[in-house]
Each structure stands twice: as C-alpha cells, then as structure tokens.
Full PDB file with SEQRES, HELIX, SHEET, SSBOND, CRYST1, ORIGX, SCALE, CONECT and MASTER records, all heavy atoms in Angstrom:
SEQRES   1 A   32  GLY MET ASN TYR TYR LYS ALA SER LYS THR ASN ALA PHE          
SEQRES   2 A   32  TRP THR GLU ILE GLY SER ASN HIS ALA THR VAL ALA PRO          
SEQRES   3 A   32  ALA VAL PHE PHE ALA TYR                                      
SHEET    1 AA1 2 TRP A  14  GLY A  18  0                                        
SHEET    2 AA1 2 ALA A  27  ALA A  31 -1                                        
CRYST1    1.000    1.000    1.000  90.00  90.00  90.00 P 1           1          
ORIGX1      1.000000  0.000000  0.000000        0.00000                         
ORIGX2      0.000000  1.000000  0.000000        0.00000                         
ORIGX3      0.000000  0.000000  1.000000        0.00000                         
SCALE1      1.000000  0.000000  0.000000        0.00000                         
SCALE2      0.000000  1.000000  0.000000        0.00000                         
SCALE3      0.000000  0.000000  1.000000        0.00000                         
ATOM      1  N   GLY A   1      10.434  34.339 -10.550  1.00  0.00           N  
ATOM      2  CA  GLY A   1       9.280  34.510  -9.614  1.00  0.00           C  
ATOM      3  C   GLY A   1       8.294  33.332  -9.710  1.00  0.00           C  
ATOM      4  O   GLY A   1       7.403  33.252  -8.874  1.00  0.00           O  
ATOM      5  N   MET A   2       8.477  32.456 -10.646  1.00  0.00           N  
ATOM      6  CA  MET A   2       7.630  31.298 -10.791  1.00  0.00           C  
ATOM      7  C   MET A   2       8.028  30.131  -9.925  1.00  0.00           C  
ATOM      8  O   MET A   2       9.246  30.053  -9.566  1.00  0.00           O  
ATOM      9  CB  MET A   2       7.572  30.883 -12.272  1.00  0.00           C  
ATOM     10  CG  MET A   2       7.091  31.902 -13.261  1.00  0.00           C  
ATOM     11  SD  MET A   2       5.249  32.125 -13.189  1.00  0.00           S  
ATOM     12  CE  MET A   2       4.725  30.686 -14.100  1.00  0.00           C  
ATOM     13  N   ASN A   3       7.131  29.278  -9.512  1.00  0.00           N  
ATOM     14  CA  ASN A   3       7.445  28.107  -8.718  1.00  0.00           C  
ATOM     15  C   ASN A   3       7.846  26.991  -9.654  1.00  0.00           C  
ATOM     16  O   ASN A   3       7.180  26.707 -10.665  1.00  0.00           O  
ATOM     17  CB  ASN A   3       6.251  27.683  -7.902  1.00  0.00           C  
ATOM     18  CG  ASN A   3       6.041  28.555  -6.738  1.00  0.00           C  
ATOM     19  OD1 ASN A   3       6.970  29.203  -6.252  1.00  0.00           O  
ATOM     20  ND2 ASN A   3       4.831  28.550  -6.212  1.00  0.00           N  
ATOM     21  N   TYR A   4       8.983  26.350  -9.365  1.00  0.00           N  
ATOM     22  CA  TYR A   4       9.483  25.187 -10.012  1.00  0.00           C  
ATOM     23  C   TYR A   4       9.336  24.003  -9.080  1.00  0.00           C  
ATOM     24  O   TYR A   4       9.220  24.194  -7.843  1.00  0.00           O  
ATOM     25  CB  TYR A   4      10.916  25.376 -10.520  1.00  0.00           C  
ATOM     26  CG  TYR A   4      11.141  26.386 -11.581  1.00  0.00           C  
ATOM     27  CD1 TYR A   4      11.016  27.762 -11.343  1.00  0.00           C  
ATOM     28  CD2 TYR A   4      11.373  26.010 -12.879  1.00  0.00           C  
ATOM     29  CE1 TYR A   4      11.165  28.696 -12.321  1.00  0.00           C  
ATOM     30  CE2 TYR A   4      11.542  26.919 -13.883  1.00  0.00           C  
ATOM     31  CZ  TYR A   4      11.449  28.273 -13.630  1.00  0.00           C  
ATOM     32  OH  TYR A   4      11.649  29.193 -14.641  1.00  0.00           O  
ATOM     33  N   TYR A   5       9.459  22.785  -9.589  1.00  0.00           N  
ATOM     34  CA  TYR A   5       9.180  21.602  -8.789  1.00  0.00           C  
ATOM     35  C   TYR A   5      10.355  20.603  -8.970  1.00  0.00           C  
ATOM     36  O   TYR A   5      10.898  20.397  -9.998  1.00  0.00           O  
ATOM     37  CB  TYR A   5       7.904  20.973  -9.160  1.00  0.00           C  
ATOM     38  CG  TYR A   5       6.725  21.924  -9.144  1.00  0.00           C  
ATOM     39  CD1 TYR A   5       6.300  22.577 -10.277  1.00  0.00           C  
ATOM     40  CD2 TYR A   5       6.106  22.233  -7.924  1.00  0.00           C  
ATOM     41  CE1 TYR A   5       5.282  23.517 -10.230  1.00  0.00           C  
ATOM     42  CE2 TYR A   5       5.072  23.146  -7.849  1.00  0.00           C  
ATOM     43  CZ  TYR A   5       4.696  23.809  -9.051  1.00  0.00           C  
ATOM     44  OH  TYR A   5       3.647  24.720  -9.013  1.00  0.00           O  
ATOM     45  N   LYS A   6      10.677  19.998  -7.850  1.00  0.00           N  
ATOM     46  CA  LYS A   6      11.735  19.010  -7.753  1.00  0.00           C  
ATOM     47  C   LYS A   6      11.293  17.774  -6.958  1.00  0.00           C  
ATOM     48  O   LYS A   6      10.759  17.937  -5.846  1.00  0.00           O  
ATOM     49  CB  LYS A   6      13.017  19.602  -7.133  1.00  0.00           C  
ATOM     50  CG  LYS A   6      14.221  18.687  -7.202  1.00  0.00           C  
ATOM     51  CD  LYS A   6      14.762  18.533  -8.590  1.00  0.00           C  
ATOM     52  CE  LYS A   6      15.967  17.632  -8.621  1.00  0.00           C  
ATOM     53  NZ  LYS A   6      16.517  17.430  -9.987  1.00  0.00           N  
ATOM     54  N   ALA A   7      11.522  16.609  -7.469  1.00  0.00           N  
ATOM     55  CA  ALA A   7      11.124  15.337  -6.816  1.00  0.00           C  
ATOM     56  C   ALA A   7      12.257  14.862  -5.875  1.00  0.00           C  
ATOM     57  O   ALA A   7      13.401  14.986  -6.158  1.00  0.00           O  
ATOM     58  CB  ALA A   7      10.782  14.305  -7.804  1.00  0.00           C  
ATOM     59  N   SER A   8      11.820  14.320  -4.706  1.00  0.00           N  
ATOM     60  CA  SER A   8      12.767  13.652  -3.827  1.00  0.00           C  
ATOM     61  C   SER A   8      13.068  12.214  -4.325  1.00  0.00           C  
ATOM     62  O   SER A   8      12.231  11.615  -5.001  1.00  0.00           O  
ATOM     63  CB  SER A   8      12.268  13.628  -2.402  1.00  0.00           C  
ATOM     64  OG  SER A   8      11.122  12.807  -2.307  1.00  0.00           O  
ATOM     65  N   LYS A   9      14.199  11.706  -3.932  1.00  0.00           N  
ATOM     66  CA  LYS A   9      14.613  10.386  -4.404  1.00  0.00           C  
ATOM     67  C   LYS A   9      14.464   9.352  -3.263  1.00  0.00           C  
ATOM     68  O   LYS A   9      14.825   9.642  -2.075  1.00  0.00           O  
ATOM     69  CB  LYS A   9      16.052  10.384  -4.863  1.00  0.00           C  
ATOM     70  CG  LYS A   9      16.522   9.008  -5.404  1.00  0.00           C  
ATOM     71  CD  LYS A   9      17.940   9.094  -5.901  1.00  0.00           C  
ATOM     72  CE  LYS A   9      18.369   7.724  -6.504  1.00  0.00           C  
ATOM     73  NZ  LYS A   9      19.773   7.756  -6.988  1.00  0.00           N  
ATOM     74  N   THR A  10      13.877   8.202  -3.562  1.00  0.00           N  
ATOM     75  CA  THR A  10      13.658   7.134  -2.569  1.00  0.00           C  
ATOM     76  C   THR A  10      14.236   5.818  -3.083  1.00  0.00           C  
ATOM     77  O   THR A  10      14.139   5.512  -4.267  1.00  0.00           O  
ATOM     78  CB  THR A  10      12.158   6.918  -2.343  1.00  0.00           C  
ATOM     79  OG1 THR A  10      11.615   8.130  -1.777  1.00  0.00           O  
ATOM     80  CG2 THR A  10      11.914   5.777  -1.356  1.00  0.00           C  
ATOM     81  N   ASN A  11      14.897   5.063  -2.172  1.00  0.00           N  
ATOM     82  CA  ASN A  11      15.328   3.756  -2.492  1.00  0.00           C  
ATOM     83  C   ASN A  11      14.647   2.755  -1.562  1.00  0.00           C  
ATOM     84  O   ASN A  11      14.397   3.037  -0.388  1.00  0.00           O  
ATOM     85  CB  ASN A  11      16.854   3.644  -2.223  1.00  0.00           C  
ATOM     86  CG  ASN A  11      17.678   4.571  -3.081  1.00  0.00           C  
ATOM     87  OD1 ASN A  11      17.512   4.675  -4.280  1.00  0.00           O  
ATOM     88  ND2 ASN A  11      18.599   5.322  -2.470  1.00  0.00           N  
ATOM     89  N   ALA A  12      14.301   1.613  -2.074  1.00  0.00           N  
ATOM     90  CA  ALA A  12      13.653   0.590  -1.283  1.00  0.00           C  
ATOM     91  C   ALA A  12      14.095  -0.825  -1.744  1.00  0.00           C  
ATOM     92  O   ALA A  12      14.251  -1.010  -2.955  1.00  0.00           O  
ATOM     93  CB  ALA A  12      12.127   0.691  -1.287  1.00  0.00           C  
ATOM     94  N   PHE A  13      14.213  -1.726  -0.810  1.00  0.00           N  
ATOM     95  CA  PHE A  13      14.608  -3.065  -1.139  1.00  0.00           C  
ATOM     96  C   PHE A  13      13.955  -3.993  -0.155  1.00  0.00           C  
ATOM     97  O   PHE A  13      13.857  -3.707   1.036  1.00  0.00           O  
ATOM     98  CB  PHE A  13      16.138  -3.188  -1.065  1.00  0.00           C  
ATOM     99  CG  PHE A  13      16.621  -4.640  -1.202  1.00  0.00           C  
ATOM    100  CD1 PHE A  13      16.703  -5.273  -2.436  1.00  0.00           C  
ATOM    101  CD2 PHE A  13      16.979  -5.374  -0.048  1.00  0.00           C  
ATOM    102  CE1 PHE A  13      17.140  -6.606  -2.488  1.00  0.00           C  
ATOM    103  CE2 PHE A  13      17.395  -6.680  -0.095  1.00  0.00           C  
ATOM    104  CZ  PHE A  13      17.507  -7.297  -1.373  1.00  0.00           C  
ATOM    105  N   TRP A  14      13.535  -5.175  -0.605  1.00  0.00           N  
ATOM    106  CA  TRP A  14      13.038  -6.178   0.274  1.00  0.00           C  
ATOM    107  C   TRP A  14      13.403  -7.565  -0.259  1.00  0.00           C  
ATOM    108  O   TRP A  14      13.645  -7.784  -1.426  1.00  0.00           O  
ATOM    109  CB  TRP A  14      11.507  -6.073   0.470  1.00  0.00           C  
ATOM    110  CG  TRP A  14      10.677  -6.254  -0.710  1.00  0.00           C  
ATOM    111  CD1 TRP A  14      10.124  -5.306  -1.505  1.00  0.00           C  
ATOM    112  CD2 TRP A  14      10.200  -7.512  -1.292  1.00  0.00           C  
ATOM    113  NE1 TRP A  14       9.407  -5.826  -2.556  1.00  0.00           N  
ATOM    114  CE2 TRP A  14       9.402  -7.228  -2.429  1.00  0.00           C  
ATOM    115  CE3 TRP A  14      10.401  -8.837  -0.925  1.00  0.00           C  
ATOM    116  CZ2 TRP A  14       8.849  -8.204  -3.220  1.00  0.00           C  
ATOM    117  CZ3 TRP A  14       9.823  -9.862  -1.755  1.00  0.00           C  
ATOM    118  CH2 TRP A  14       9.030  -9.537  -2.883  1.00  0.00           C  
ATOM    119  N   THR A  15      13.435  -8.546   0.689  1.00  0.00           N  
ATOM    120  CA  THR A  15      13.683  -9.917   0.317  1.00  0.00           C  
ATOM    121  C   THR A  15      12.895 -10.807   1.201  1.00  0.00           C  
ATOM    122  O   THR A  15      12.574 -10.465   2.355  1.00  0.00           O  
ATOM    123  CB  THR A  15      15.220 -10.213   0.404  1.00  0.00           C  
ATOM    124  OG1 THR A  15      15.474 -11.548  -0.016  1.00  0.00           O  
ATOM    125  CG2 THR A  15      15.703 -10.059   1.839  1.00  0.00           C  
ATOM    126  N   GLU A  16      12.573 -11.930   0.685  1.00  0.00           N  
ATOM    127  CA  GLU A  16      11.726 -12.896   1.424  1.00  0.00           C  
ATOM    128  C   GLU A  16      12.150 -14.304   1.128  1.00  0.00           C  
ATOM    129  O   GLU A  16      12.418 -14.669  -0.039  1.00  0.00           O  
ATOM    130  CB  GLU A  16      10.221 -12.766   1.087  1.00  0.00           C  
ATOM    131  CG  GLU A  16       9.313 -13.578   1.891  1.00  0.00           C  
ATOM    132  CD  GLU A  16       7.843 -13.402   1.454  1.00  0.00           C  
ATOM    133  OE1 GLU A  16       7.580 -12.652   0.493  1.00  0.00           O  
ATOM    134  OE2 GLU A  16       6.955 -13.982   2.128  1.00  0.00           O  
ATOM    135  N   ILE A  17      12.310 -15.127   2.139  1.00  0.00           N  
ATOM    136  CA  ILE A  17      12.719 -16.553   1.931  1.00  0.00           C  
ATOM    137  C   ILE A  17      11.814 -17.359   2.800  1.00  0.00           C  
ATOM    138  O   ILE A  17      11.486 -17.056   3.985  1.00  0.00           O  
ATOM    139  CB  ILE A  17      14.208 -16.810   2.228  1.00  0.00           C  
ATOM    140  CG1 ILE A  17      14.565 -18.253   1.922  1.00  0.00           C  
ATOM    141  CG2 ILE A  17      14.547 -16.476   3.695  1.00  0.00           C  
ATOM    142  CD1 ILE A  17      16.034 -18.515   1.963  1.00  0.00           C  
ATOM    143  N   GLY A  18      11.313 -18.525   2.272  1.00  0.00           N  
ATOM    144  CA  GLY A  18      10.418 -19.318   3.028  1.00  0.00           C  
ATOM    145  C   GLY A  18      10.270 -20.760   2.455  1.00  0.00           C  
ATOM    146  O   GLY A  18      10.847 -21.092   1.471  1.00  0.00           O  
ATOM    147  N   SER A  19       9.422 -21.467   3.079  1.00  0.00           N  
ATOM    148  CA  SER A  19       9.125 -22.878   2.743  1.00  0.00           C  
ATOM    149  C   SER A  19       7.878 -22.980   1.862  1.00  0.00           C  
ATOM    150  O   SER A  19       6.984 -22.196   2.049  1.00  0.00           O  
ATOM    151  CB  SER A  19       8.964 -23.689   3.992  1.00  0.00           C  
ATOM    152  OG  SER A  19       8.464 -25.011   3.698  1.00  0.00           O  
ATOM    153  N   ASN A  20       7.843 -23.941   0.944  1.00  0.00           N  
ATOM    154  CA  ASN A  20       6.681 -24.251   0.160  1.00  0.00           C  
ATOM    155  C   ASN A  20       6.037 -25.538   0.697  1.00  0.00           C  
ATOM    156  O   ASN A  20       5.294 -26.177  -0.093  1.00  0.00           O  
ATOM    157  CB  ASN A  20       7.038 -24.409  -1.323  1.00  0.00           C  
ATOM    158  CG  ASN A  20       7.225 -23.050  -2.011  1.00  0.00           C  
ATOM    159  OD1 ASN A  20       6.477 -22.102  -1.669  1.00  0.00           O  
ATOM    160  ND2 ASN A  20       8.073 -22.970  -2.969  1.00  0.00           N  
ATOM    161  N   HIS A  21       6.258 -25.915   1.907  1.00  0.00           N  
ATOM    162  CA  HIS A  21       5.660 -27.099   2.478  1.00  0.00           C  
ATOM    163  C   HIS A  21       4.136 -27.003   2.464  1.00  0.00           C  
ATOM    164  O   HIS A  21       3.595 -25.901   2.619  1.00  0.00           O  
ATOM    165  CB  HIS A  21       6.182 -27.355   3.902  1.00  0.00           C  
ATOM    166  CG  HIS A  21       5.867 -28.677   4.440  1.00  0.00           C  
ATOM    167  ND1 HIS A  21       4.676 -28.997   5.054  1.00  0.00           N  
ATOM    168  CD2 HIS A  21       6.599 -29.822   4.437  1.00  0.00           C  
ATOM    169  CE1 HIS A  21       4.674 -30.252   5.417  1.00  0.00           C  
ATOM    170  NE2 HIS A  21       5.877 -30.831   5.070  1.00  0.00           N  
ATOM    171  N   ALA A  22       3.480 -28.100   2.236  1.00  0.00           N  
ATOM    172  CA  ALA A  22       2.050 -28.082   2.049  1.00  0.00           C  
ATOM    173  C   ALA A  22       1.238 -27.750   3.330  1.00  0.00           C  
ATOM    174  O   ALA A  22       0.138 -27.200   3.280  1.00  0.00           O  
ATOM    175  CB  ALA A  22       1.544 -29.421   1.510  1.00  0.00           C  
ATOM    176  N   THR A  23       1.845 -28.095   4.520  1.00  0.00           N  
ATOM    177  CA  THR A  23       1.094 -27.873   5.713  1.00  0.00           C  
ATOM    178  C   THR A  23       1.689 -26.754   6.618  1.00  0.00           C  
ATOM    179  O   THR A  23       0.982 -25.946   7.192  1.00  0.00           O  
ATOM    180  CB  THR A  23       0.923 -29.173   6.551  1.00  0.00           C  
ATOM    181  OG1 THR A  23       2.253 -29.705   6.731  1.00  0.00           O  
ATOM    182  CG2 THR A  23       0.096 -30.179   5.781  1.00  0.00           C  
ATOM    183  N   VAL A  24       3.002 -26.833   6.834  1.00  0.00           N  
ATOM    184  CA  VAL A  24       3.667 -25.809   7.678  1.00  0.00           C  
ATOM    185  C   VAL A  24       4.716 -25.138   6.815  1.00  0.00           C  
ATOM    186  O   VAL A  24       5.624 -25.765   6.323  1.00  0.00           O  
ATOM    187  CB  VAL A  24       4.313 -26.450   8.892  1.00  0.00           C  
ATOM    188  CG1 VAL A  24       5.031 -25.366   9.714  1.00  0.00           C  
ATOM    189  CG2 VAL A  24       3.306 -27.151   9.739  1.00  0.00           C  
ATOM    190  N   ALA A  25       4.601 -23.859   6.646  1.00  0.00           N  
ATOM    191  CA  ALA A  25       5.445 -23.079   5.716  1.00  0.00           C  
ATOM    192  C   ALA A  25       5.917 -21.757   6.321  1.00  0.00           C  
ATOM    193  O   ALA A  25       5.376 -20.713   6.056  1.00  0.00           O  
ATOM    194  CB  ALA A  25       4.745 -22.780   4.352  1.00  0.00           C  
ATOM    195  N   PRO A  26       6.927 -21.824   7.201  1.00  0.00           N  
ATOM    196  CA  PRO A  26       7.480 -20.621   7.740  1.00  0.00           C  
ATOM    197  C   PRO A  26       8.191 -19.767   6.691  1.00  0.00           C  
ATOM    198  O   PRO A  26       8.685 -20.303   5.699  1.00  0.00           O  
ATOM    199  CB  PRO A  26       8.402 -21.134   8.807  1.00  0.00           C  
ATOM    200  CG  PRO A  26       8.888 -22.411   8.349  1.00  0.00           C  
ATOM    201  CD  PRO A  26       7.662 -22.991   7.618  1.00  0.00           C  
ATOM    202  N   ALA A  27       8.276 -18.417   6.934  1.00  0.00           N  
ATOM    203  CA  ALA A  27       8.967 -17.534   6.034  1.00  0.00           C  
ATOM    204  C   ALA A  27       9.452 -16.333   6.827  1.00  0.00           C  
ATOM    205  O   ALA A  27       8.928 -15.988   7.866  1.00  0.00           O  
ATOM    206  CB  ALA A  27       8.068 -17.119   4.867  1.00  0.00           C  
ATOM    207  N   VAL A  28      10.482 -15.627   6.243  1.00  0.00           N  
ATOM    208  CA  VAL A  28      11.000 -14.457   6.831  1.00  0.00           C  
ATOM    209  C   VAL A  28      10.996 -13.324   5.809  1.00  0.00           C  
ATOM    210  O   VAL A  28      11.441 -13.560   4.651  1.00  0.00           O  
ATOM    211  CB  VAL A  28      12.442 -14.656   7.342  1.00  0.00           C  
ATOM    212  CG1 VAL A  28      13.019 -13.333   7.907  1.00  0.00           C  
ATOM    213  CG2 VAL A  28      12.487 -15.702   8.462  1.00  0.00           C  
ATOM    214  N   PHE A  29      10.593 -12.163   6.184  1.00  0.00           N  
ATOM    215  CA  PHE A  29      10.513 -10.988   5.254  1.00  0.00           C  
ATOM    216  C   PHE A  29      11.384  -9.914   5.877  1.00  0.00           C  
ATOM    217  O   PHE A  29      11.255  -9.588   7.055  1.00  0.00           O  
ATOM    218  CB  PHE A  29       9.087 -10.514   5.129  1.00  0.00           C  
ATOM    219  CG  PHE A  29       8.909  -9.260   4.366  1.00  0.00           C  
ATOM    220  CD1 PHE A  29       9.044  -9.269   2.972  1.00  0.00           C  
ATOM    221  CD2 PHE A  29       8.688  -8.059   4.977  1.00  0.00           C  
ATOM    222  CE1 PHE A  29       8.879  -8.090   2.200  1.00  0.00           C  
ATOM    223  CE2 PHE A  29       8.505  -6.855   4.246  1.00  0.00           C  
ATOM    224  CZ  PHE A  29       8.642  -6.904   2.863  1.00  0.00           C  
ATOM    225  N   PHE A  30      12.290  -9.341   5.100  1.00  0.00           N  
ATOM    226  CA  PHE A  30      13.137  -8.248   5.475  1.00  0.00           C  
ATOM    227  C   PHE A  30      13.045  -7.151   4.436  1.00  0.00           C  
ATOM    228  O   PHE A  30      13.100  -7.394   3.257  1.00  0.00           O  
ATOM    229  CB  PHE A  30      14.650  -8.718   5.612  1.00  0.00           C  
ATOM    230  CG  PHE A  30      15.571  -7.585   5.831  1.00  0.00           C  
ATOM    231  CD1 PHE A  30      15.780  -7.043   7.071  1.00  0.00           C  
ATOM    232  CD2 PHE A  30      16.273  -7.037   4.786  1.00  0.00           C  
ATOM    233  CE1 PHE A  30      16.616  -6.012   7.311  1.00  0.00           C  
ATOM    234  CE2 PHE A  30      17.157  -5.983   4.993  1.00  0.00           C  
ATOM    235  CZ  PHE A  30      17.342  -5.458   6.228  1.00  0.00           C  
ATOM    236  N   ALA A  31      12.936  -5.866   4.944  1.00  0.00           N  
ATOM    237  CA  ALA A  31      12.829  -4.744   4.035  1.00  0.00           C  
ATOM    238  C   ALA A  31      13.568  -3.549   4.564  1.00  0.00           C  
ATOM    239  O   ALA A  31      13.731  -3.359   5.784  1.00  0.00           O  
ATOM    240  CB  ALA A  31      11.346  -4.440   3.818  1.00  0.00           C  
ATOM    241  N   TYR A  32      13.986  -2.700   3.610  1.00  0.00           N  
ATOM    242  CA  TYR A  32      14.721  -1.458   3.964  1.00  0.00           C  
ATOM    243  C   TYR A  32      14.299  -0.402   2.947  1.00  0.00           C  
ATOM    244  O   TYR A  32      14.208  -0.624   1.738  1.00  0.00           O  
ATOM    245  CB  TYR A  32      16.211  -1.711   3.912  1.00  0.00           C  
ATOM    246  CG  TYR A  32      17.004  -0.424   4.066  1.00  0.00           C  
ATOM    247  CD1 TYR A  32      17.320   0.077   5.317  1.00  0.00           C  
ATOM    248  CD2 TYR A  32      17.527   0.222   2.945  1.00  0.00           C  
ATOM    249  CE1 TYR A  32      18.040   1.271   5.514  1.00  0.00           C  
ATOM    250  CE2 TYR A  32      18.270   1.388   3.111  1.00  0.00           C  
ATOM    251  CZ  TYR A  32      18.546   1.896   4.357  1.00  0.00           C  
ATOM    252  OH  TYR A  32      19.260   3.009   4.480  1.00  0.00           O  
TER     253      TYR A  32                                                      
MASTER        0    0    0    0    2    0    0    6  252    1    0    3          
END                                                                             
C-alpha cells in the first residue's frame, strides 16, 4: 500500500561545428 518511485530514462546528444575565424565565424548546431 506504500508509494514507490521510478525514474524515467532520457537520452540526449548534440554536436556543433564551426569556424574560429577572427571576424566571420559561422557555425552549425544539431541536437537530439
């Protein structure tokens, strides 16, 4: 009759690639 507890599971991933140029530095970020 007591309440017990269970955690849900989550997965997450992200990646980012970009330029280190001093003036113009585009980049792309992707996550799931």
